[in-house]
Amino acid sequence: KVKQSQVKKRKPVRTSANLSKTYQIGDSVMVLPDKKIGI
């Protein structure tokens, strides 16, 4: 059990299917670090 508790969990992987829901055509976005606004 001590050895088993040392195993670290993996972070969830972002897939492009999940990301495509985040940004869609026409969204106004801020480009960092310049803080420029674009579409």
Full PDB file with SEQRES, HELIX, SHEET, SSBOND, CRYST1, ORIGX, SCALE, CONECT and MASTER records, all heavy atoms in Angstrom:
SEQRES   1 A   39  LYS VAL LYS GLN SER GLN VAL LYS LYS ARG LYS PRO VAL          
SEQRES   2 A   39  ARG THR SER ALA ASN LEU SER LYS THR TYR GLN ILE GLY          
SEQRES   3 A   39  ASP SER VAL MET VAL LEU PRO ASP LYS LYS ILE GLY ILE          
HELIX    1 AA1 VAL A    2  SER A    5  1                                   4    
HELIX    2 AA2 SER A   16  SER A   20  1                                   5    
SHEET    1 AA1 2 VAL A  29  VAL A  31  0                                        
SHEET    2 AA1 2 LYS A  36  GLY A  38 -1                                        
CRYST1    1.000    1.000    1.000  90.00  90.00  90.00 P 1           1          
ORIGX1      1.000000  0.000000  0.000000        0.00000                         
ORIGX2      0.000000  1.000000  0.000000        0.00000                         
ORIGX3      0.000000  0.000000  1.000000        0.00000                         
SCALE1      1.000000  0.000000  0.000000        0.00000                         
SCALE2      0.000000  1.000000  0.000000        0.00000                         
SCALE3      0.000000  0.000000  1.000000        0.00000                         
ATOM      1  N   LYS A   1       0.826  -1.206   0.000  1.00  0.00           N  
ATOM      2  CA  LYS A   1       0.000   0.000   0.000  1.00  0.00           C  
ATOM      3  C   LYS A   1       0.861   1.258   0.000  1.00  0.00           C  
ATOM      4  O   LYS A   1       0.520   2.243  -0.623  1.00  0.00           O  
ATOM      5  CB  LYS A   1      -0.955   0.007   1.191  1.00  0.00           C  
ATOM      6  CG  LYS A   1      -2.120  -0.929   1.020  1.00  0.00           C  
ATOM      7  CD  LYS A   1      -3.077  -0.809   2.174  1.00  0.00           C  
ATOM      8  CE  LYS A   1      -4.252  -1.747   1.955  1.00  0.00           C  
ATOM      9  NZ  LYS A   1      -5.200  -1.705   3.062  1.00  0.00           N  
ATOM     10  N   VAL A   2       1.998   1.230   0.683  1.00  0.00           N  
ATOM     11  CA  VAL A   2       2.885   2.388   0.697  1.00  0.00           C  
ATOM     12  C   VAL A   2       3.414   2.643  -0.707  1.00  0.00           C  
ATOM     13  O   VAL A   2       3.428   3.765  -1.191  1.00  0.00           O  
ATOM     14  CB  VAL A   2       4.052   2.181   1.689  1.00  0.00           C  
ATOM     15  CG1 VAL A   2       5.115   3.245   1.504  1.00  0.00           C  
ATOM     16  CG2 VAL A   2       3.519   2.188   3.114  1.00  0.00           C  
ATOM     17  N   LYS A   3       3.816   1.590  -1.403  1.00  0.00           N  
ATOM     18  CA  LYS A   3       4.317   1.751  -2.757  1.00  0.00           C  
ATOM     19  C   LYS A   3       3.215   2.237  -3.687  1.00  0.00           C  
ATOM     20  O   LYS A   3       3.442   3.025  -4.577  1.00  0.00           O  
ATOM     21  CB  LYS A   3       4.889   0.433  -3.284  1.00  0.00           C  
ATOM     22  CG  LYS A   3       6.213   0.075  -2.673  1.00  0.00           C  
ATOM     23  CD  LYS A   3       6.774  -1.163  -3.290  1.00  0.00           C  
ATOM     24  CE  LYS A   3       8.101  -1.530  -2.677  1.00  0.00           C  
ATOM     25  NZ  LYS A   3       8.661  -2.744  -3.251  1.00  0.00           N  
ATOM     26  N   GLN A   4       2.006   1.760  -3.492  1.00  0.00           N  
ATOM     27  CA  GLN A   4       0.897   2.116  -4.354  1.00  0.00           C  
ATOM     28  C   GLN A   4       0.526   3.594  -4.193  1.00  0.00           C  
ATOM     29  O   GLN A   4       0.166   4.249  -5.152  1.00  0.00           O  
ATOM     30  CB  GLN A   4      -0.308   1.239  -4.022  1.00  0.00           C  
ATOM     31  CG  GLN A   4      -1.445   1.354  -5.006  1.00  0.00           C  
ATOM     32  CD  GLN A   4      -2.579   0.430  -4.644  1.00  0.00           C  
ATOM     33  OE1 GLN A   4      -2.735   0.044  -3.492  1.00  0.00           O  
ATOM     34  NE2 GLN A   4      -3.362   0.071  -5.621  1.00  0.00           N  
ATOM     35  N   SER A   5       0.657   4.143  -2.980  1.00  0.00           N  
ATOM     36  CA  SER A   5       0.283   5.535  -2.746  1.00  0.00           C  
ATOM     37  C   SER A   5       1.269   6.513  -3.379  1.00  0.00           C  
ATOM     38  O   SER A   5       0.973   7.683  -3.512  1.00  0.00           O  
ATOM     39  CB  SER A   5       0.161   5.806  -1.253  1.00  0.00           C  
ATOM     40  OG  SER A   5       1.435   5.717  -0.651  1.00  0.00           O  
ATOM     41  N   GLN A   6       2.450   6.043  -3.773  1.00  0.00           N  
ATOM     42  CA  GLN A   6       3.436   6.927  -4.382  1.00  0.00           C  
ATOM     43  C   GLN A   6       3.146   7.175  -5.861  1.00  0.00           C  
ATOM     44  O   GLN A   6       3.758   8.023  -6.473  1.00  0.00           O  
ATOM     45  CB  GLN A   6       4.826   6.336  -4.222  1.00  0.00           C  
ATOM     46  CG  GLN A   6       5.276   6.279  -2.779  1.00  0.00           C  
ATOM     47  CD  GLN A   6       6.558   5.509  -2.611  1.00  0.00           C  
ATOM     48  OE1 GLN A   6       7.038   4.881  -3.540  1.00  0.00           O  
ATOM     49  NE2 GLN A   6       7.114   5.546  -1.415  1.00  0.00           N  
ATOM     50  N   VAL A   7       2.196   6.456  -6.427  1.00  0.00           N  
ATOM     51  CA  VAL A   7       1.860   6.626  -7.831  1.00  0.00           C  
ATOM     52  C   VAL A   7       1.067   7.919  -7.995  1.00  0.00           C  
ATOM     53  O   VAL A   7       0.125   8.175  -7.265  1.00  0.00           O  
ATOM     54  CB  VAL A   7       1.025   5.421  -8.329  1.00  0.00           C  
ATOM     55  CG1 VAL A   7       0.596   5.637  -9.766  1.00  0.00           C  
ATOM     56  CG2 VAL A   7       1.828   4.145  -8.201  1.00  0.00           C  
ATOM     57  N   LYS A   8       1.469   8.732  -8.964  1.00  0.00           N  
ATOM     58  CA  LYS A   8       0.800  10.006  -9.201  1.00  0.00           C  
ATOM     59  C   LYS A   8      -0.242   9.837 -10.302  1.00  0.00           C  
ATOM     60  O   LYS A   8      -0.034   9.099 -11.253  1.00  0.00           O  
ATOM     61  CB  LYS A   8       1.811  11.071  -9.616  1.00  0.00           C  
ATOM     62  CG  LYS A   8       2.777  11.423  -8.515  1.00  0.00           C  
ATOM     63  CD  LYS A   8       3.732  12.497  -8.958  1.00  0.00           C  
ATOM     64  CE  LYS A   8       4.715  12.821  -7.835  1.00  0.00           C  
ATOM     65  NZ  LYS A   8       5.675  13.835  -8.240  1.00  0.00           N  
ATOM     66  N   LYS A   9      -1.336  10.539 -10.152  1.00  0.00           N  
ATOM     67  CA  LYS A   9      -2.393  10.489 -11.148  1.00  0.00           C  
ATOM     68  C   LYS A   9      -2.021  11.371 -12.326  1.00  0.00           C  
ATOM     69  O   LYS A   9      -1.415  12.423 -12.162  1.00  0.00           O  
ATOM     70  CB  LYS A   9      -3.724  10.968 -10.560  1.00  0.00           C  
ATOM     71  CG  LYS A   9      -4.280  10.043  -9.521  1.00  0.00           C  
ATOM     72  CD  LYS A   9      -5.617  10.556  -9.038  1.00  0.00           C  
ATOM     73  CE  LYS A   9      -6.197   9.643  -7.981  1.00  0.00           C  
ATOM     74  NZ  LYS A   9      -7.487  10.126  -7.487  1.00  0.00           N  
ATOM     75  N   ARG A  10      -2.424  10.926 -13.513  1.00  0.00           N  
ATOM     76  CA  ARG A  10      -2.188  11.726 -14.709  1.00  0.00           C  
ATOM     77  C   ARG A  10      -3.235  12.816 -14.814  1.00  0.00           C  
ATOM     78  O   ARG A  10      -4.378  12.641 -14.424  1.00  0.00           O  
ATOM     79  CB  ARG A  10      -2.273  10.862 -15.959  1.00  0.00           C  
ATOM     80  CG  ARG A  10      -1.128   9.927 -16.124  1.00  0.00           C  
ATOM     81  CD  ARG A  10      -1.237   9.230 -17.439  1.00  0.00           C  
ATOM     82  NE  ARG A  10      -0.101   8.355 -17.646  1.00  0.00           N  
ATOM     83  CZ  ARG A  10       0.070   7.628 -18.712  1.00  0.00           C  
ATOM     84  NH1 ARG A  10      -0.824   7.651 -19.669  1.00  0.00           N  
ATOM     85  NH2 ARG A  10       1.118   6.864 -18.833  1.00  0.00           N  
ATOM     86  N   LYS A  11      -2.827  13.930 -15.386  1.00  0.00           N  
ATOM     87  CA  LYS A  11      -3.766  15.015 -15.622  1.00  0.00           C  
ATOM     88  C   LYS A  11      -4.646  14.640 -16.811  1.00  0.00           C  
ATOM     89  O   LYS A  11      -4.175  13.968 -17.735  1.00  0.00           O  
ATOM     90  CB  LYS A  11      -3.015  16.314 -15.927  1.00  0.00           C  
ATOM     91  CG  LYS A  11      -2.240  16.846 -14.749  1.00  0.00           C  
ATOM     92  CD  LYS A  11      -1.545  18.132 -15.116  1.00  0.00           C  
ATOM     93  CE  LYS A  11      -0.755  18.670 -13.938  1.00  0.00           C  
ATOM     94  NZ  LYS A  11      -0.045  19.901 -14.274  1.00  0.00           N  
ATOM     95  N   PRO A  12      -5.892  15.070 -16.798  1.00  0.00           N  
ATOM     96  CA  PRO A  12      -6.747  14.747 -17.941  1.00  0.00           C  
ATOM     97  C   PRO A  12      -6.220  15.417 -19.209  1.00  0.00           C  
ATOM     98  O   PRO A  12      -5.792  16.567 -19.186  1.00  0.00           O  
ATOM     99  CB  PRO A  12      -8.117  15.313 -17.551  1.00  0.00           C  
ATOM    100  CG  PRO A  12      -7.844  16.281 -16.451  1.00  0.00           C  
ATOM    101  CD  PRO A  12      -6.586  15.836 -15.786  1.00  0.00           C  
ATOM    102  N   VAL A  13      -6.239  14.666 -20.291  1.00  0.00           N  
ATOM    103  CA  VAL A  13      -5.724  15.152 -21.558  1.00  0.00           C  
ATOM    104  C   VAL A  13      -6.827  15.904 -22.289  1.00  0.00           C  
ATOM    105  O   VAL A  13      -7.938  15.408 -22.421  1.00  0.00           O  
ATOM    106  CB  VAL A  13      -5.219  13.968 -22.424  1.00  0.00           C  
ATOM    107  CG1 VAL A  13      -4.723  14.465 -23.765  1.00  0.00           C  
ATOM    108  CG2 VAL A  13      -4.128  13.211 -21.690  1.00  0.00           C  
ATOM    109  N   ARG A  14      -6.507  17.083 -22.774  1.00  0.00           N  
ATOM    110  CA  ARG A  14      -7.465  17.844 -23.562  1.00  0.00           C  
ATOM    111  C   ARG A  14      -7.387  17.378 -25.005  1.00  0.00           C  
ATOM    112  O   ARG A  14      -6.314  17.355 -25.590  1.00  0.00           O  
ATOM    113  CB  ARG A  14      -7.144  19.335 -23.522  1.00  0.00           C  
ATOM    114  CG  ARG A  14      -7.498  20.004 -22.240  1.00  0.00           C  
ATOM    115  CD  ARG A  14      -7.287  21.480 -22.389  1.00  0.00           C  
ATOM    116  NE  ARG A  14      -8.007  22.193 -21.360  1.00  0.00           N  
ATOM    117  CZ  ARG A  14      -8.125  23.492 -21.324  1.00  0.00           C  
ATOM    118  NH1 ARG A  14      -7.573  24.232 -22.250  1.00  0.00           N  
ATOM    119  NH2 ARG A  14      -8.790  24.077 -20.366  1.00  0.00           N  
ATOM    120  N   THR A  15      -8.508  17.033 -25.534  1.00  0.00           N  
ATOM    121  CA  THR A  15      -8.555  16.632 -26.937  1.00  0.00           C  
ATOM    122  C   THR A  15      -9.105  17.779 -27.763  1.00  0.00           C  
ATOM    123  O   THR A  15      -9.722  18.692 -27.252  1.00  0.00           O  
ATOM    124  CB  THR A  15      -9.449  15.392 -27.120  1.00  0.00           C  
ATOM    125  OG1 THR A  15     -10.786  15.732 -26.724  1.00  0.00           O  
ATOM    126  CG2 THR A  15      -8.943  14.226 -26.298  1.00  0.00           C  
ATOM    127  N   SER A  16      -8.878  17.702 -29.060  1.00  0.00           N  
ATOM    128  CA  SER A  16      -9.370  18.779 -29.919  1.00  0.00           C  
ATOM    129  C   SER A  16     -10.887  18.821 -29.922  1.00  0.00           C  
ATOM    130  O   SER A  16     -11.480  19.865 -30.154  1.00  0.00           O  
ATOM    131  CB  SER A  16      -8.826  18.618 -31.338  1.00  0.00           C  
ATOM    132  OG  SER A  16      -9.239  17.395 -31.881  1.00  0.00           O  
ATOM    133  N   ALA A  17     -11.543  17.690 -29.641  1.00  0.00           N  
ATOM    134  CA  ALA A  17     -13.005  17.691 -29.565  1.00  0.00           C  
ATOM    135  C   ALA A  17     -13.465  18.553 -28.390  1.00  0.00           C  
ATOM    136  O   ALA A  17     -14.440  19.296 -28.511  1.00  0.00           O  
ATOM    137  CB  ALA A  17     -13.526  16.267 -29.409  1.00  0.00           C  
ATOM    138  N   ASN A  18     -12.766  18.460 -27.266  1.00  0.00           N  
ATOM    139  CA  ASN A  18     -13.109  19.302 -26.110  1.00  0.00           C  
ATOM    140  C   ASN A  18     -12.775  20.764 -26.377  1.00  0.00           C  
ATOM    141  O   ASN A  18     -13.501  21.655 -25.964  1.00  0.00           O  
ATOM    142  CB  ASN A  18     -12.352  18.843 -24.871  1.00  0.00           C  
ATOM    143  CG  ASN A  18     -12.751  17.469 -24.411  1.00  0.00           C  
ATOM    144  OD1 ASN A  18     -13.794  16.960 -24.790  1.00  0.00           O  
ATOM    145  ND2 ASN A  18     -11.906  16.858 -23.614  1.00  0.00           N  
ATOM    146  N   LEU A  19     -11.669  21.008 -27.058  1.00  0.00           N  
ATOM    147  CA  LEU A  19     -11.233  22.374 -27.312  1.00  0.00           C  
ATOM    148  C   LEU A  19     -12.111  23.071 -28.341  1.00  0.00           C  
ATOM    149  O   LEU A  19     -12.300  24.276 -28.282  1.00  0.00           O  
ATOM    150  CB  LEU A  19      -9.778  22.378 -27.792  1.00  0.00           C  
ATOM    151  CG  LEU A  19      -8.747  21.938 -26.762  1.00  0.00           C  
ATOM    152  CD1 LEU A  19      -7.390  21.825 -27.414  1.00  0.00           C  
ATOM    153  CD2 LEU A  19      -8.699  22.906 -25.607  1.00  0.00           C  
ATOM    154  N   SER A  20     -12.644  22.318 -29.313  1.00  0.00           N  
ATOM    155  CA  SER A  20     -13.452  22.945 -30.360  1.00  0.00           C  
ATOM    156  C   SER A  20     -14.720  23.555 -29.780  1.00  0.00           C  
ATOM    157  O   SER A  20     -15.301  24.461 -30.361  1.00  0.00           O  
ATOM    158  CB  SER A  20     -13.779  21.938 -31.454  1.00  0.00           C  
ATOM    159  OG  SER A  20     -14.604  20.919 -30.940  1.00  0.00           O  
ATOM    160  N   LYS A  21     -15.168  23.069 -28.629  1.00  0.00           N  
ATOM    161  CA  LYS A  21     -16.334  23.646 -27.971  1.00  0.00           C  
ATOM    162  C   LYS A  21     -15.983  24.973 -27.301  1.00  0.00           C  
ATOM    163  O   LYS A  21     -16.844  25.792 -27.053  1.00  0.00           O  
ATOM    164  CB  LYS A  21     -16.891  22.663 -26.933  1.00  0.00           C  
ATOM    165  CG  LYS A  21     -17.414  21.380 -27.537  1.00  0.00           C  
ATOM    166  CD  LYS A  21     -17.832  20.413 -26.465  1.00  0.00           C  
ATOM    167  CE  LYS A  21     -18.205  19.075 -27.064  1.00  0.00           C  
ATOM    168  NZ  LYS A  21     -18.464  18.067 -26.056  1.00  0.00           N  
ATOM    169  N   THR A  22     -14.709  25.194 -27.020  1.00  0.00           N  
ATOM    170  CA  THR A  22     -14.268  26.390 -26.318  1.00  0.00           C  
ATOM    171  C   THR A  22     -14.290  27.626 -27.219  1.00  0.00           C  
ATOM    172  O   THR A  22     -14.805  28.660 -26.841  1.00  0.00           O  
ATOM    173  CB  THR A  22     -12.848  26.195 -25.767  1.00  0.00           C  
ATOM    174  OG1 THR A  22     -12.818  24.991 -25.017  1.00  0.00           O  
ATOM    175  CG2 THR A  22     -12.446  27.339 -24.881  1.00  0.00           C  
ATOM    176  N   TYR A  23     -13.720  27.497 -28.416  1.00  0.00           N  
ATOM    177  CA  TYR A  23     -13.631  28.627 -29.338  1.00  0.00           C  
ATOM    178  C   TYR A  23     -14.337  28.277 -30.636  1.00  0.00           C  
ATOM    179  O   TYR A  23     -14.067  27.243 -31.228  1.00  0.00           O  
ATOM    180  CB  TYR A  23     -12.169  28.980 -29.633  1.00  0.00           C  
ATOM    181  CG  TYR A  23     -11.386  29.320 -28.391  1.00  0.00           C  
ATOM    182  CD1 TYR A  23     -10.437  28.436 -27.878  1.00  0.00           C  
ATOM    183  CD2 TYR A  23     -11.598  30.510 -27.724  1.00  0.00           C  
ATOM    184  CE1 TYR A  23      -9.724  28.742 -26.739  1.00  0.00           C  
ATOM    185  CE2 TYR A  23     -10.887  30.818 -26.573  1.00  0.00           C  
ATOM    186  CZ  TYR A  23      -9.949  29.935 -26.098  1.00  0.00           C  
ATOM    187  OH  TYR A  23      -9.259  30.242 -24.964  1.00  0.00           O  
ATOM    188  N   GLN A  24     -15.219  29.174 -31.074  1.00  0.00           N  
ATOM    189  CA  GLN A  24     -15.946  28.968 -32.327  1.00  0.00           C  
ATOM    190  C   GLN A  24     -15.707  30.155 -33.238  1.00  0.00           C  
ATOM    191  O   GLN A  24     -15.305  31.235 -32.792  1.00  0.00           O  
ATOM    192  CB  GLN A  24     -17.436  28.795 -32.031  1.00  0.00           C  
ATOM    193  CG  GLN A  24     -17.713  27.563 -31.208  1.00  0.00           C  
ATOM    194  CD  GLN A  24     -19.180  27.410 -30.860  1.00  0.00           C  
ATOM    195  OE1 GLN A  24     -19.982  28.284 -31.144  1.00  0.00           O  
ATOM    196  NE2 GLN A  24     -19.526  26.302 -30.244  1.00  0.00           N  
ATOM    197  N   ILE A  25     -15.970  29.955 -34.522  1.00  0.00           N  
ATOM    198  CA  ILE A  25     -15.780  31.023 -35.493  1.00  0.00           C  
ATOM    199  C   ILE A  25     -16.629  32.225 -35.088  1.00  0.00           C  
ATOM    200  O   ILE A  25     -17.811  32.091 -34.787  1.00  0.00           O  
ATOM    201  CB  ILE A  25     -16.137  30.532 -36.908  1.00  0.00           C  
ATOM    202  CG1 ILE A  25     -15.145  29.456 -37.341  1.00  0.00           C  
ATOM    203  CG2 ILE A  25     -16.137  31.684 -37.901  1.00  0.00           C  
ATOM    204  CD1 ILE A  25     -15.438  28.826 -38.668  1.00  0.00           C  
ATOM    205  N   GLY A  26     -16.004  33.388 -35.071  1.00  0.00           N  
ATOM    206  CA  GLY A  26     -16.694  34.617 -34.723  1.00  0.00           C  
ATOM    207  C   GLY A  26     -16.488  35.070 -33.293  1.00  0.00           C  
ATOM    208  O   GLY A  26     -16.847  36.193 -32.934  1.00  0.00           O  
ATOM    209  N   ASP A  27     -15.908  34.217 -32.449  1.00  0.00           N  
ATOM    210  CA  ASP A  27     -15.651  34.609 -31.064  1.00  0.00           C  
ATOM    211  C   ASP A  27     -14.611  35.728 -31.023  1.00  0.00           C  
ATOM    212  O   ASP A  27     -13.611  35.688 -31.731  1.00  0.00           O  
ATOM    213  CB  ASP A  27     -15.116  33.428 -30.248  1.00  0.00           C  
ATOM    214  CG  ASP A  27     -16.183  32.414 -29.890  1.00  0.00           C  
ATOM    215  OD1 ASP A  27     -17.372  32.729 -30.031  1.00  0.00           O  
ATOM    216  OD2 ASP A  27     -15.804  31.304 -29.466  1.00  0.00           O  
ATOM    217  N   SER A  28     -14.854  36.705 -30.190  1.00  0.00           N  
ATOM    218  CA  SER A  28     -13.877  37.750 -29.954  1.00  0.00           C  
ATOM    219  C   SER A  28     -12.941  37.241 -28.858  1.00  0.00           C  
ATOM    220  O   SER A  28     -13.396  36.813 -27.796  1.00  0.00           O  
ATOM    221  CB  SER A  28     -14.570  39.031 -29.499  1.00  0.00           C  
ATOM    222  OG  SER A  28     -13.614  40.021 -29.195  1.00  0.00           O  
ATOM    223  N   VAL A  29     -11.637  37.237 -29.143  1.00  0.00           N  
ATOM    224  CA  VAL A  29     -10.662  36.700 -28.201  1.00  0.00           C  
ATOM    225  C   VAL A  29      -9.560  37.716 -27.946  1.00  0.00           C  
ATOM    226  O   VAL A  29      -9.303  38.598 -28.757  1.00  0.00           O  
ATOM    227  CB  VAL A  29     -10.040  35.379 -28.719  1.00  0.00           C  
ATOM    228  CG1 VAL A  29     -11.069  34.285 -28.779  1.00  0.00           C  
ATOM    229  CG2 VAL A  29      -9.382  35.560 -30.065  1.00  0.00           C  
ATOM    230  N   MET A  30      -8.908  37.551 -26.792  1.00  0.00           N  
ATOM    231  CA  MET A  30      -7.752  38.370 -26.454  1.00  0.00           C  
ATOM    232  C   MET A  30      -6.514  37.503 -26.610  1.00  0.00           C  
ATOM    233  O   MET A  30      -6.434  36.412 -26.043  1.00  0.00           O  
ATOM    234  CB  MET A  30      -7.847  38.879 -25.021  1.00  0.00           C  
ATOM    235  CG  MET A  30      -6.699  39.786 -24.631  1.00  0.00           C  
ATOM    236  SD  MET A  30      -6.810  40.385 -22.940  1.00  0.00           S  
ATOM    237  CE  MET A  30      -8.241  41.423 -23.061  1.00  0.00           C  
ATOM    238  N   VAL A  31      -5.558  37.969 -27.408  1.00  0.00           N  
ATOM    239  CA  VAL A  31      -4.319  37.245 -27.644  1.00  0.00           C  
ATOM    240  C   VAL A  31      -3.318  37.692 -26.591  1.00  0.00           C  
ATOM    241  O   VAL A  31      -2.996  38.876 -26.481  1.00  0.00           O  
ATOM    242  CB  VAL A  31      -3.776  37.514 -29.059  1.00  0.00           C  
ATOM    243  CG1 VAL A  31      -2.466  36.781 -29.281  1.00  0.00           C  
ATOM    244  CG2 VAL A  31      -4.806  37.100 -30.095  1.00  0.00           C  
ATOM    245  N   LEU A  32      -2.858  36.740 -25.800  1.00  0.00           N  
ATOM    246  CA  LEU A  32      -1.922  37.038 -24.725  1.00  0.00           C  
ATOM    247  C   LEU A  32      -0.499  36.774 -25.174  1.00  0.00           C  
ATOM    248  O   LEU A  32      -0.279  35.950 -26.039  1.00  0.00           O  
ATOM    249  CB  LEU A  32      -2.263  36.178 -23.502  1.00  0.00           C  
ATOM    250  CG  LEU A  32      -3.700  36.342 -22.989  1.00  0.00           C  
ATOM    251  CD1 LEU A  32      -3.991  35.322 -21.921  1.00  0.00           C  
ATOM    252  CD2 LEU A  32      -3.940  37.732 -22.467  1.00  0.00           C  
ATOM    253  N   PRO A  33       0.501  37.416 -24.681  1.00  0.00           N  
ATOM    254  CA  PRO A  33       0.556  38.416 -23.627  1.00  0.00           C  
ATOM    255  C   PRO A  33       0.366  39.841 -24.145  1.00  0.00           C  
ATOM    256  O   PRO A  33       0.352  40.774 -23.359  1.00  0.00           O  
ATOM    257  CB  PRO A  33       1.961  38.240 -23.064  1.00  0.00           C  
ATOM    258  CG  PRO A  33       2.778  37.850 -24.235  1.00  0.00           C  
ATOM    259  CD  PRO A  33       1.856  37.006 -25.084  1.00  0.00           C  
ATOM    260  N   ASP A  34       0.176  40.005 -25.471  1.00  0.00           N  
ATOM    261  CA  ASP A  34       0.056  41.351 -26.048  1.00  0.00           C  
ATOM    262  C   ASP A  34      -1.268  42.027 -25.746  1.00  0.00           C  
ATOM    263  O   ASP A  34      -1.405  43.235 -25.924  1.00  0.00           O  
ATOM    264  CB  ASP A  34       0.236  41.289 -27.568  1.00  0.00           C  
ATOM    265  CG  ASP A  34       1.560  40.669 -27.965  1.00  0.00           C  
ATOM    266  OD1 ASP A  34       2.500  40.731 -27.152  1.00  0.00           O  
ATOM    267  OD2 ASP A  34       1.641  40.106 -29.064  1.00  0.00           O  
ATOM    268  N   LYS A  35      -2.259  41.230 -25.339  1.00  0.00           N  
ATOM    269  CA  LYS A  35      -3.608  41.718 -25.044  1.00  0.00           C  
ATOM    270  C   LYS A  35      -4.248  42.402 -26.249  1.00  0.00           C  
ATOM    271  O   LYS A  35      -4.945  43.390 -26.130  1.00  0.00           O  
ATOM    272  CB  LYS A  35      -3.608  42.648 -23.831  1.00  0.00           C  
ATOM    273  CG  LYS A  35      -3.201  41.938 -22.557  1.00  0.00           C  
ATOM    274  CD  LYS A  35      -3.358  42.807 -21.346  1.00  0.00           C  
ATOM    275  CE  LYS A  35      -2.983  42.026 -20.094  1.00  0.00           C  
ATOM    276  NZ  LYS A  35      -3.131  42.802 -18.894  1.00  0.00           N  
ATOM    277  N   LYS A  36      -4.003  41.823 -27.431  1.00  0.00           N  
ATOM    278  CA  LYS A  36      -4.643  42.309 -28.653  1.00  0.00           C  
ATOM    279  C   LYS A  36      -5.968  41.576 -28.819  1.00  0.00           C  
ATOM    280  O   LYS A  36      -6.068  40.392 -28.529  1.00  0.00           O  
ATOM    281  CB  LYS A  36      -3.757  42.050 -29.870  1.00  0.00           C  
ATOM    282  CG  LYS A  36      -2.490  42.864 -29.875  1.00  0.00           C  
ATOM    283  CD  LYS A  36      -1.692  42.584 -31.112  1.00  0.00           C  
ATOM    284  CE  LYS A  36      -0.397  43.389 -31.124  1.00  0.00           C  
ATOM    285  NZ  LYS A  36       0.415  43.090 -32.309  1.00  0.00           N  
ATOM    286  N   ILE A  37      -6.974  42.279 -29.319  1.00  0.00           N  
ATOM    287  CA  ILE A  37      -8.275  41.686 -29.542  1.00  0.00           C  
ATOM    288  C   ILE A  37      -8.367  41.233 -30.998  1.00  0.00           C  
ATOM    289  O   ILE A  37      -7.990  41.968 -31.911  1.00  0.00           O  
ATOM    290  CB  ILE A  37      -9.413  42.698 -29.225  1.00  0.00           C  
ATOM    291  CG1 ILE A  37      -9.309  43.186 -27.784  1.00  0.00           C  
ATOM    292  CG2 ILE A  37     -10.773  42.077 -29.511  1.00  0.00           C  
ATOM    293  CD1 ILE A  37      -9.550  42.135 -26.735  1.00  0.00           C  
ATOM    294  N   GLY A  38      -8.872  40.026 -31.202  1.00  0.00           N  
ATOM    295  CA  GLY A  38      -9.054  39.490 -32.538  1.00  0.00           C  
ATOM    296  C   GLY A  38     -10.311  38.650 -32.602  1.00  0.00           C  
ATOM    297  O   GLY A  38     -11.010  38.470 -31.602  1.00  0.00           O  
ATOM    298  N   ILE A  39     -10.591  38.123 -33.801  1.00  0.00           N  
ATOM    299  CA  ILE A  39     -11.774  37.293 -34.015  1.00  0.00           C  
ATOM    300  C   ILE A  39     -11.325  35.943 -34.547  1.00  0.00           C  
ATOM    301  O   ILE A  39     -10.494  35.859 -35.460  1.00  0.00           O  
ATOM    302  CB  ILE A  39     -12.736  37.960 -35.019  1.00  0.00           C  
ATOM    303  CG1 ILE A  39     -13.201  39.304 -34.478  1.00  0.00           C  
ATOM    304  CG2 ILE A  39     -13.921  37.065 -35.302  1.00  0.00           C  
ATOM    305  CD1 ILE A  39     -14.023  40.116 -35.447  1.00  0.00           C  
TER     306      ILE A  39                                                      
MASTER        0    0    0    2    2    0    0    6  305    1    0    3          
END                                                                             
